[in-house]
């Protein structure tokens, strides 16, 4: 995990970061946590040509000691806990 600075909370900011991260030909996949804000970010990433899956927070396996409150630490365990699409 790397820190890329503070990303503007806009769709353009998210897509701009995605383009920057994929400049070297890397294939990016995103996991979007379903929530009350809808699926707008999910649709924007799909429209920009990126793979994006939506997951329900209640279905994300959690190690003991990791609470349900969102923090900067929470997403670090997602790649290990979310397997390939079936």
N, C-alpha and C. Protein backbone atom coordinates (compact mmCIF):
# COMPACT_ATOMS: atom_id res chain seq x y z
N UNK A 1 0.85 -1.16 0.00
CA UNK A 1 0.00 0.00 0.00
C UNK A 1 0.90 1.22 0.00
N UNK A 2 0.56 2.19 -0.87
CA UNK A 2 1.32 3.42 -0.95
C UNK A 2 0.41 4.61 -0.73
N UNK A 3 0.98 5.66 -0.22
CA UNK A 3 0.24 6.91 -0.04
C UNK A 3 0.50 7.79 -1.25
N UNK A 4 -0.55 8.23 -1.92
CA UNK A 4 -0.42 9.06 -3.11
C UNK A 4 -0.87 10.50 -2.87
N UNK A 5 -0.94 10.90 -1.65
CA UNK A 5 -1.34 12.25 -1.33
C UNK A 5 -2.84 12.34 -1.08
N UNK A 6 -3.30 13.54 -0.96
CA UNK A 6 -4.72 13.77 -0.72
C UNK A 6 -5.41 13.88 -2.07
N UNK A 7 -6.41 13.03 -2.27
CA UNK A 7 -7.14 12.99 -3.54
C UNK A 7 -8.39 13.84 -3.40
N UNK A 8 -8.65 14.72 -4.37
CA UNK A 8 -9.89 15.51 -4.29
C UNK A 8 -11.12 14.60 -4.29
N UNK A 9 -12.09 14.95 -3.51
CA UNK A 9 -13.31 14.15 -3.40
C UNK A 9 -14.26 14.52 -4.55
N UNK A 10 -13.78 14.28 -5.77
CA UNK A 10 -14.57 14.53 -6.97
C UNK A 10 -14.40 13.33 -7.89
N UNK A 11 -15.33 13.17 -8.81
CA UNK A 11 -15.21 12.07 -9.77
C UNK A 11 -13.99 12.26 -10.66
N UNK A 12 -13.76 13.50 -11.07
CA UNK A 12 -12.60 13.78 -11.90
C UNK A 12 -11.30 13.46 -11.16
N UNK A 13 -11.25 13.76 -9.87
CA UNK A 13 -10.07 13.46 -9.08
C UNK A 13 -9.80 11.97 -8.98
N UNK A 14 -10.86 11.19 -8.81
CA UNK A 14 -10.73 9.73 -8.71
C UNK A 14 -10.27 9.14 -10.04
N UNK A 15 -10.90 9.57 -11.12
CA UNK A 15 -10.54 9.04 -12.44
C UNK A 15 -9.13 9.49 -12.83
N UNK A 16 -8.76 10.72 -12.49
CA UNK A 16 -7.42 11.22 -12.78
C UNK A 16 -6.36 10.37 -12.07
N UNK A 17 -6.62 10.04 -10.80
CA UNK A 17 -5.69 9.18 -10.06
C UNK A 17 -5.62 7.80 -10.70
N UNK A 18 -6.76 7.26 -11.10
CA UNK A 18 -6.77 5.94 -11.74
C UNK A 18 -5.94 5.96 -13.03
N UNK A 19 -6.08 7.00 -13.83
CA UNK A 19 -5.29 7.11 -15.06
C UNK A 19 -3.80 7.20 -14.74
N UNK A 20 -3.47 7.97 -13.71
CA UNK A 20 -2.07 8.13 -13.32
C UNK A 20 -1.49 6.78 -12.87
N UNK A 21 -2.27 6.02 -12.10
CA UNK A 21 -1.77 4.73 -11.59
C UNK A 21 -1.64 3.68 -12.69
N UNK A 22 -2.37 3.86 -13.78
CA UNK A 22 -2.33 2.85 -14.85
C UNK A 22 -1.47 3.30 -16.02
N UNK A 23 -0.73 4.39 -15.88
CA UNK A 23 0.12 4.88 -16.97
C UNK A 23 1.14 3.86 -17.43
N UNK A 24 1.65 3.05 -16.52
CA UNK A 24 2.68 2.08 -16.88
C UNK A 24 2.09 0.78 -17.41
N UNK A 25 0.81 0.78 -17.73
CA UNK A 25 0.16 -0.40 -18.28
C UNK A 25 -0.45 -1.32 -17.23
N UNK A 26 -0.39 -0.90 -15.97
CA UNK A 26 -0.97 -1.72 -14.89
C UNK A 26 -2.48 -1.80 -15.07
N UNK A 27 -3.02 -2.98 -14.81
CA UNK A 27 -4.47 -3.17 -14.88
C UNK A 27 -5.03 -2.94 -13.48
N UNK A 28 -5.88 -1.94 -13.33
CA UNK A 28 -6.43 -1.62 -12.03
C UNK A 28 -7.80 -2.24 -11.85
N UNK A 29 -8.06 -2.72 -10.66
CA UNK A 29 -9.38 -3.22 -10.28
C UNK A 29 -9.76 -2.51 -8.98
N UNK A 30 -11.01 -2.08 -8.91
CA UNK A 30 -11.47 -1.35 -7.73
C UNK A 30 -12.54 -2.15 -7.02
N UNK A 31 -12.60 -1.98 -5.71
CA UNK A 31 -13.66 -2.56 -4.89
C UNK A 31 -14.36 -1.38 -4.24
N UNK A 32 -15.65 -1.30 -4.48
CA UNK A 32 -16.45 -0.18 -3.98
C UNK A 32 -17.37 -0.69 -2.90
N UNK A 33 -17.29 -0.09 -1.73
CA UNK A 33 -18.12 -0.51 -0.61
C UNK A 33 -19.52 0.06 -0.78
N UNK A 34 -20.50 -0.83 -0.86
CA UNK A 34 -21.89 -0.40 -1.00
C UNK A 34 -22.29 0.42 0.22
N UNK A 35 -23.01 1.48 -0.02
CA UNK A 35 -23.42 2.34 1.08
C UNK A 35 -24.59 3.22 0.69
N UNK A 36 -24.93 4.14 1.56
CA UNK A 36 -26.11 4.98 1.33
C UNK A 36 -25.94 6.00 0.21
N UNK A 37 -24.72 6.17 -0.28
CA UNK A 37 -24.48 7.19 -1.32
C UNK A 37 -24.76 6.68 -2.73
N UNK A 38 -25.15 5.44 -2.86
CA UNK A 38 -25.47 4.91 -4.19
C UNK A 38 -24.26 4.36 -4.90
N UNK A 39 -24.39 4.22 -6.20
CA UNK A 39 -23.37 3.57 -7.00
C UNK A 39 -22.74 4.51 -8.02
N UNK A 40 -22.76 5.79 -7.75
CA UNK A 40 -22.25 6.77 -8.71
C UNK A 40 -20.77 6.58 -8.97
N UNK A 41 -19.97 6.38 -7.93
CA UNK A 41 -18.53 6.18 -8.12
C UNK A 41 -18.29 4.91 -8.92
N UNK A 42 -19.04 3.86 -8.61
CA UNK A 42 -18.94 2.60 -9.33
C UNK A 42 -19.19 2.82 -10.82
N UNK A 43 -20.25 3.53 -11.16
CA UNK A 43 -20.58 3.78 -12.57
C UNK A 43 -19.51 4.63 -13.25
N UNK A 44 -18.98 5.63 -12.56
CA UNK A 44 -17.94 6.48 -13.14
C UNK A 44 -16.68 5.67 -13.47
N UNK A 45 -16.29 4.78 -12.56
CA UNK A 45 -15.10 3.94 -12.81
C UNK A 45 -15.34 2.99 -13.97
N UNK A 46 -16.55 2.41 -14.05
CA UNK A 46 -16.87 1.54 -15.18
C UNK A 46 -16.86 2.32 -16.49
N UNK A 47 -17.44 3.51 -16.48
CA UNK A 47 -17.46 4.35 -17.68
C UNK A 47 -16.05 4.72 -18.14
N UNK A 48 -15.12 4.84 -17.19
CA UNK A 48 -13.74 5.18 -17.52
C UNK A 48 -12.95 3.95 -17.96
N UNK A 49 -13.60 2.77 -17.95
CA UNK A 49 -12.95 1.56 -18.45
C UNK A 49 -12.27 0.70 -17.41
N UNK A 50 -12.54 0.93 -16.14
CA UNK A 50 -11.91 0.15 -15.07
C UNK A 50 -12.87 -0.91 -14.53
N UNK A 51 -12.28 -2.01 -14.07
CA UNK A 51 -13.06 -3.04 -13.40
C UNK A 51 -13.40 -2.53 -12.01
N UNK A 52 -14.64 -2.67 -11.61
CA UNK A 52 -15.05 -2.21 -10.29
C UNK A 52 -16.15 -3.13 -9.78
N UNK A 53 -15.93 -3.70 -8.61
CA UNK A 53 -16.94 -4.55 -7.98
C UNK A 53 -17.48 -3.88 -6.74
N UNK A 54 -18.75 -4.09 -6.49
CA UNK A 54 -19.40 -3.53 -5.31
C UNK A 54 -19.54 -4.66 -4.29
N UNK A 55 -19.17 -4.38 -3.05
CA UNK A 55 -19.29 -5.37 -1.99
C UNK A 55 -20.12 -4.79 -0.85
N UNK A 56 -20.83 -5.67 -0.19
CA UNK A 56 -21.61 -5.28 0.99
C UNK A 56 -20.69 -5.29 2.20
N UNK A 57 -20.67 -4.23 2.98
CA UNK A 57 -19.78 -4.18 4.14
C UNK A 57 -19.98 -5.36 5.09
N UNK A 58 -21.20 -5.81 5.22
CA UNK A 58 -21.47 -6.91 6.15
C UNK A 58 -20.90 -8.24 5.66
N UNK A 59 -20.55 -8.34 4.38
CA UNK A 59 -20.01 -9.59 3.84
C UNK A 59 -18.49 -9.60 3.74
N UNK A 60 -17.84 -8.51 4.14
CA UNK A 60 -16.38 -8.45 4.10
C UNK A 60 -15.85 -9.14 5.35
N UNK A 61 -15.09 -10.23 5.17
CA UNK A 61 -14.55 -10.92 6.35
C UNK A 61 -13.63 -9.98 7.12
N UNK A 62 -13.73 -10.02 8.43
CA UNK A 62 -12.91 -9.16 9.27
C UNK A 62 -12.14 -10.00 10.28
N UNK A 63 -10.87 -9.62 10.44
CA UNK A 63 -10.08 -10.26 11.49
C UNK A 63 -10.54 -9.70 12.81
N UNK A 64 -10.38 -10.48 13.83
CA UNK A 64 -10.72 -10.03 15.18
C UNK A 64 -9.93 -8.78 15.50
N UNK A 65 -10.60 -7.80 16.06
CA UNK A 65 -9.94 -6.56 16.42
C UNK A 65 -10.14 -5.45 15.41
N UNK A 66 -10.65 -5.77 14.22
CA UNK A 66 -10.93 -4.74 13.23
C UNK A 66 -12.41 -4.41 13.34
N UNK A 67 -12.71 -3.20 13.76
CA UNK A 67 -14.09 -2.79 13.96
C UNK A 67 -14.80 -2.47 12.67
N UNK A 68 -16.06 -2.11 12.78
CA UNK A 68 -16.83 -1.80 11.59
C UNK A 68 -16.78 -0.33 11.23
N UNK A 69 -16.18 0.50 12.09
CA UNK A 69 -16.07 1.92 11.78
C UNK A 69 -15.05 2.12 10.66
N UNK A 70 -15.39 2.90 9.63
CA UNK A 70 -14.41 3.13 8.57
C UNK A 70 -13.24 3.98 9.07
N UNK A 71 -12.04 3.55 8.78
CA UNK A 71 -10.84 4.29 9.13
C UNK A 71 -9.88 4.20 7.95
N UNK A 72 -8.80 4.90 8.04
CA UNK A 72 -7.78 4.81 7.00
C UNK A 72 -7.15 3.44 6.93
N UNK A 73 -7.28 2.65 7.99
CA UNK A 73 -6.68 1.32 8.03
C UNK A 73 -7.58 0.25 7.43
N UNK A 74 -8.88 0.47 7.41
CA UNK A 74 -9.83 -0.56 7.02
C UNK A 74 -9.56 -1.21 5.67
N UNK A 75 -9.35 -0.46 4.57
CA UNK A 75 -9.22 -1.10 3.27
C UNK A 75 -8.01 -1.98 3.10
N UNK A 76 -7.02 -1.89 3.97
CA UNK A 76 -5.80 -2.68 3.77
C UNK A 76 -6.06 -4.18 3.75
N UNK A 77 -7.08 -4.66 4.43
CA UNK A 77 -7.30 -6.11 4.45
C UNK A 77 -8.24 -6.57 3.34
N UNK A 78 -8.81 -5.65 2.58
CA UNK A 78 -9.75 -6.04 1.52
C UNK A 78 -9.15 -6.92 0.44
N UNK A 79 -7.99 -6.59 -0.13
CA UNK A 79 -7.48 -7.43 -1.22
C UNK A 79 -7.30 -8.88 -0.81
N UNK A 80 -6.95 -9.15 0.44
CA UNK A 80 -6.76 -10.52 0.88
C UNK A 80 -8.08 -11.23 1.10
N UNK A 81 -9.11 -10.47 1.45
CA UNK A 81 -10.37 -11.11 1.83
C UNK A 81 -11.36 -11.22 0.67
N UNK A 82 -11.13 -10.51 -0.41
CA UNK A 82 -12.05 -10.55 -1.53
C UNK A 82 -11.43 -11.40 -2.63
N UNK A 83 -12.02 -12.53 -2.87
CA UNK A 83 -11.49 -13.46 -3.84
C UNK A 83 -11.92 -13.10 -5.25
N UNK A 84 -11.51 -13.91 -6.21
CA UNK A 84 -11.90 -13.67 -7.60
C UNK A 84 -13.40 -13.81 -7.77
N UNK A 85 -13.92 -13.14 -8.80
CA UNK A 85 -15.35 -13.26 -9.06
C UNK A 85 -15.69 -14.68 -9.44
N UNK A 86 -16.86 -15.12 -9.01
CA UNK A 86 -17.26 -16.48 -9.36
C UNK A 86 -18.09 -16.49 -10.61
